[in-house]
Amino acid sequence: NSKYVQTQFGIILLKSLFSEAMQTDSGEEVSSYEIKNILQQCIDEEDKRKPLTDETLMDILNSKGYRIARRTVAKYREMLSIPVARLRKQI
């Protein structure tokens, strides 16, 4: 059921031109790219001796109004090529 579009750059999967969206508590739709940017920022600013777990990251996003599951946080973290907390830990 995939649809493609022919452009001057070649044939492209149509859904690749659009980003996924999620809804906040207030009903506003936000891009998954925005959520990934927040995840990246949280991980960049974390204490490297006690890195944030996926559950903690989920709690941070939920407190900012983004309803997101721990498994989704893990999926986005993996998409960003960020290892799990125990592998990010530095002594």
N, C-alpha and C. Protein backbone atom coordinates (compact mmCIF):
# COMPACT_ATOMS: atom_id res chain seq x y z
N ASN A 1 0.80 -1.20 0.00
CA ASN A 1 0.00 0.00 0.00
C ASN A 1 0.85 1.27 0.00
N SER A 2 2.13 1.10 -0.18
CA SER A 2 3.01 2.26 -0.20
C SER A 2 2.80 3.06 -1.48
N LYS A 3 2.84 4.35 -1.34
CA LYS A 3 2.66 5.23 -2.49
C LYS A 3 3.98 5.98 -2.74
N TYR A 4 4.28 6.16 -4.01
CA TYR A 4 5.51 6.81 -4.40
C TYR A 4 5.19 8.03 -5.25
N VAL A 5 6.14 8.94 -5.30
CA VAL A 5 5.99 10.13 -6.13
C VAL A 5 7.27 10.26 -6.97
N GLN A 6 7.08 10.60 -8.25
CA GLN A 6 8.23 10.79 -9.12
C GLN A 6 8.59 12.27 -9.12
N THR A 7 9.84 12.56 -8.79
CA THR A 7 10.32 13.94 -8.75
C THR A 7 11.53 14.06 -9.66
N GLN A 8 12.05 15.25 -9.76
CA GLN A 8 13.27 15.46 -10.55
C GLN A 8 14.47 14.78 -9.91
N PHE A 9 14.31 14.39 -8.62
CA PHE A 9 15.40 13.72 -7.90
C PHE A 9 15.26 12.21 -7.93
N GLY A 10 14.20 11.72 -8.56
CA GLY A 10 13.95 10.29 -8.64
C GLY A 10 12.62 9.94 -7.98
N ILE A 11 12.39 8.65 -7.83
CA ILE A 11 11.15 8.17 -7.23
C ILE A 11 11.35 8.09 -5.71
N ILE A 12 10.43 8.71 -4.96
CA ILE A 12 10.56 8.80 -3.51
C ILE A 12 9.30 8.24 -2.86
N LEU A 13 9.48 7.52 -1.76
CA LEU A 13 8.36 7.04 -0.97
C LEU A 13 7.64 8.25 -0.38
N LEU A 14 6.35 8.38 -0.66
CA LEU A 14 5.60 9.57 -0.29
C LEU A 14 5.63 9.83 1.22
N LYS A 15 5.52 8.78 2.03
CA LYS A 15 5.48 9.01 3.48
C LYS A 15 6.83 9.50 4.04
N SER A 16 7.91 9.35 3.25
CA SER A 16 9.20 9.84 3.72
C SER A 16 9.27 11.37 3.69
N LEU A 17 8.31 12.00 3.01
CA LEU A 17 8.28 13.46 2.94
C LEU A 17 7.60 14.10 4.15
N PHE A 18 6.97 13.28 4.99
CA PHE A 18 6.24 13.78 6.14
C PHE A 18 6.83 13.21 7.43
N SER A 19 6.79 14.01 8.49
CA SER A 19 7.27 13.52 9.77
C SER A 19 6.10 13.00 10.58
N GLU A 20 6.42 12.11 11.54
CA GLU A 20 5.39 11.60 12.44
C GLU A 20 5.00 12.70 13.40
N ALA A 21 3.78 12.64 13.90
CA ALA A 21 3.33 13.64 14.86
C ALA A 21 2.78 12.96 16.11
N MET A 22 2.92 13.64 17.23
CA MET A 22 2.36 13.19 18.50
C MET A 22 1.57 14.35 19.08
N GLN A 23 0.69 14.03 20.00
CA GLN A 23 -0.10 15.08 20.64
C GLN A 23 0.38 15.31 22.06
N THR A 24 0.41 16.58 22.47
CA THR A 24 0.75 16.93 23.84
C THR A 24 -0.52 16.90 24.68
N ASP A 25 -0.35 17.11 25.98
CA ASP A 25 -1.50 17.15 26.89
C ASP A 25 -2.50 18.23 26.49
N SER A 26 -2.00 19.32 25.93
CA SER A 26 -2.87 20.44 25.54
C SER A 26 -3.55 20.21 24.19
N GLY A 27 -3.24 19.07 23.54
CA GLY A 27 -3.86 18.76 22.25
C GLY A 27 -3.06 19.24 21.05
N GLU A 28 -1.97 19.94 21.31
CA GLU A 28 -1.11 20.45 20.23
C GLU A 28 -0.34 19.28 19.61
N GLU A 29 -0.24 19.28 18.28
CA GLU A 29 0.53 18.24 17.61
C GLU A 29 1.98 18.71 17.47
N VAL A 30 2.90 17.80 17.82
CA VAL A 30 4.32 18.10 17.70
C VAL A 30 4.99 17.00 16.89
N SER A 31 6.04 17.36 16.22
CA SER A 31 6.79 16.43 15.39
C SER A 31 7.63 15.50 16.26
N SER A 32 7.82 14.28 15.78
CA SER A 32 8.70 13.36 16.50
C SER A 32 10.14 13.89 16.50
N TYR A 33 10.46 14.73 15.51
CA TYR A 33 11.80 15.34 15.48
C TYR A 33 12.00 16.26 16.69
N GLU A 34 10.96 16.96 17.08
CA GLU A 34 11.04 17.82 18.26
C GLU A 34 11.31 16.99 19.51
N ILE A 35 10.63 15.87 19.63
CA ILE A 35 10.81 15.00 20.79
C ILE A 35 12.22 14.41 20.78
N LYS A 36 12.70 14.01 19.60
CA LYS A 36 14.06 13.48 19.50
C LYS A 36 15.09 14.55 19.89
N ASN A 37 14.84 15.80 19.51
CA ASN A 37 15.75 16.89 19.89
C ASN A 37 15.78 17.08 21.39
N ILE A 38 14.62 16.98 22.04
CA ILE A 38 14.57 17.11 23.49
C ILE A 38 15.31 15.95 24.15
N LEU A 39 15.13 14.74 23.63
CA LEU A 39 15.86 13.58 24.16
C LEU A 39 17.36 13.79 24.04
N GLN A 40 17.80 14.23 22.86
CA GLN A 40 19.23 14.46 22.63
C GLN A 40 19.76 15.50 23.61
N GLN A 41 19.01 16.57 23.81
CA GLN A 41 19.43 17.63 24.72
C GLN A 41 19.52 17.12 26.16
N CYS A 42 18.54 16.34 26.60
CA CYS A 42 18.56 15.77 27.95
C CYS A 42 19.78 14.89 28.15
N ILE A 43 20.09 14.07 27.16
CA ILE A 43 21.22 13.14 27.27
C ILE A 43 22.54 13.90 27.20
N ASP A 44 22.61 14.95 26.39
CA ASP A 44 23.82 15.77 26.32
C ASP A 44 24.11 16.45 27.66
N GLU A 45 23.05 16.82 28.38
CA GLU A 45 23.21 17.56 29.64
C GLU A 45 23.22 16.66 30.88
N GLU A 46 23.08 15.34 30.71
CA GLU A 46 22.99 14.45 31.86
C GLU A 46 24.32 14.33 32.59
N ASP A 47 24.25 13.89 33.85
CA ASP A 47 25.44 13.57 34.63
C ASP A 47 25.99 12.25 34.09
N LYS A 48 27.17 12.27 33.51
CA LYS A 48 27.73 11.08 32.86
C LYS A 48 28.06 9.97 33.86
N ARG A 49 28.15 10.33 35.16
CA ARG A 49 28.38 9.30 36.18
C ARG A 49 27.08 8.61 36.57
N LYS A 50 25.95 9.25 36.28
CA LYS A 50 24.64 8.68 36.58
C LYS A 50 23.69 9.03 35.43
N PRO A 51 23.88 8.35 34.28
CA PRO A 51 23.09 8.68 33.09
C PRO A 51 21.59 8.39 33.28
N LEU A 52 20.78 9.08 32.52
CA LEU A 52 19.33 8.94 32.60
C LEU A 52 18.87 7.66 31.92
N THR A 53 18.00 6.92 32.59
CA THR A 53 17.42 5.71 32.00
C THR A 53 16.27 6.11 31.08
N ASP A 54 15.82 5.15 30.29
CA ASP A 54 14.68 5.41 29.40
C ASP A 54 13.46 5.81 30.21
N GLU A 55 13.27 5.19 31.37
CA GLU A 55 12.12 5.52 32.21
C GLU A 55 12.21 6.95 32.74
N THR A 56 13.41 7.36 33.14
CA THR A 56 13.60 8.74 33.62
C THR A 56 13.36 9.73 32.49
N LEU A 57 13.86 9.41 31.30
CA LEU A 57 13.63 10.27 30.13
C LEU A 57 12.14 10.37 29.82
N MET A 58 11.43 9.25 29.96
CA MET A 58 9.98 9.25 29.75
C MET A 58 9.31 10.18 30.75
N ASP A 59 9.73 10.10 32.02
CA ASP A 59 9.16 10.97 33.06
C ASP A 59 9.41 12.45 32.75
N ILE A 60 10.61 12.77 32.27
CA ILE A 60 10.95 14.15 31.92
C ILE A 60 10.03 14.65 30.79
N LEU A 61 9.88 13.83 29.75
CA LEU A 61 9.01 14.22 28.63
C LEU A 61 7.56 14.33 29.07
N ASN A 62 7.11 13.41 29.91
CA ASN A 62 5.72 13.47 30.41
C ASN A 62 5.50 14.73 31.23
N SER A 63 6.50 15.13 32.02
CA SER A 63 6.36 16.35 32.83
C SER A 63 6.31 17.61 31.97
N LYS A 64 6.86 17.52 30.74
CA LYS A 64 6.82 18.65 29.81
C LYS A 64 5.56 18.63 28.95
N GLY A 65 4.69 17.64 29.20
CA GLY A 65 3.42 17.58 28.48
C GLY A 65 3.39 16.64 27.30
N TYR A 66 4.48 15.93 27.03
CA TYR A 66 4.53 14.98 25.92
C TYR A 66 4.16 13.60 26.45
N ARG A 67 3.03 13.06 26.04
CA ARG A 67 2.61 11.72 26.45
C ARG A 67 3.36 10.72 25.59
N ILE A 68 4.32 10.04 26.19
CA ILE A 68 5.17 9.12 25.44
C ILE A 68 5.49 7.92 26.33
N ALA A 69 5.53 6.74 25.75
CA ALA A 69 5.82 5.51 26.48
C ALA A 69 7.32 5.28 26.56
N ARG A 70 7.73 4.49 27.53
CA ARG A 70 9.15 4.17 27.70
C ARG A 70 9.68 3.47 26.44
N ARG A 71 8.89 2.59 25.86
CA ARG A 71 9.33 1.87 24.65
C ARG A 71 9.55 2.83 23.48
N THR A 72 8.75 3.87 23.41
CA THR A 72 8.92 4.88 22.36
C THR A 72 10.20 5.67 22.59
N VAL A 73 10.48 5.98 23.86
CA VAL A 73 11.73 6.67 24.21
C VAL A 73 12.91 5.80 23.77
N ALA A 74 12.84 4.50 24.06
CA ALA A 74 13.92 3.58 23.68
C ALA A 74 14.07 3.54 22.15
N LYS A 75 12.96 3.52 21.44
CA LYS A 75 12.99 3.49 19.97
C LYS A 75 13.65 4.75 19.42
N TYR A 76 13.25 5.91 19.94
CA TYR A 76 13.84 7.17 19.48
C TYR A 76 15.31 7.26 19.85
N ARG A 77 15.68 6.79 21.04
CA ARG A 77 17.08 6.80 21.48
C ARG A 77 17.92 5.96 20.53
N GLU A 78 17.40 4.79 20.15
CA GLU A 78 18.13 3.92 19.22
C GLU A 78 18.23 4.57 17.84
N MET A 79 17.18 5.26 17.41
CA MET A 79 17.22 5.96 16.11
C MET A 79 18.30 7.04 16.11
N LEU A 80 18.56 7.62 17.28
CA LEU A 80 19.59 8.65 17.41
C LEU A 80 20.97 8.05 17.65
N SER A 81 21.07 6.71 17.62
CA SER A 81 22.32 5.97 17.86
C SER A 81 22.92 6.29 19.23
N ILE A 82 22.05 6.40 20.23
CA ILE A 82 22.49 6.65 21.60
C ILE A 82 22.37 5.35 22.37
N PRO A 83 23.46 4.88 23.00
CA PRO A 83 23.39 3.62 23.74
C PRO A 83 22.55 3.73 25.01
N VAL A 84 22.24 2.57 25.61
CA VAL A 84 21.49 2.53 26.86
C VAL A 84 22.29 3.19 27.97
N ALA A 85 21.63 3.52 29.07
CA ALA A 85 22.24 4.27 30.16
C ALA A 85 23.50 3.59 30.70
N ARG A 86 23.46 2.28 30.89
CA ARG A 86 24.62 1.60 31.48
C ARG A 86 25.85 1.68 30.59
N LEU A 87 25.66 1.81 29.28
CA LEU A 87 26.79 1.93 28.36
C LEU A 87 27.27 3.38 28.22
N ARG A 88 26.43 4.33 28.62
CA ARG A 88 26.83 5.75 28.59
C ARG A 88 27.55 6.16 29.86
N LYS A 89 27.51 5.32 30.87
CA LYS A 89 28.08 5.68 32.18
C LYS A 89 29.59 5.84 32.09
N GLN A 90 30.07 6.95 32.63
CA GLN A 90 31.51 7.22 32.69
C GLN A 90 31.91 7.43 34.14
N ILE A 91 33.03 6.87 34.50
CA ILE A 91 33.50 6.98 35.89
C ILE A 91 34.41 8.17 36.05
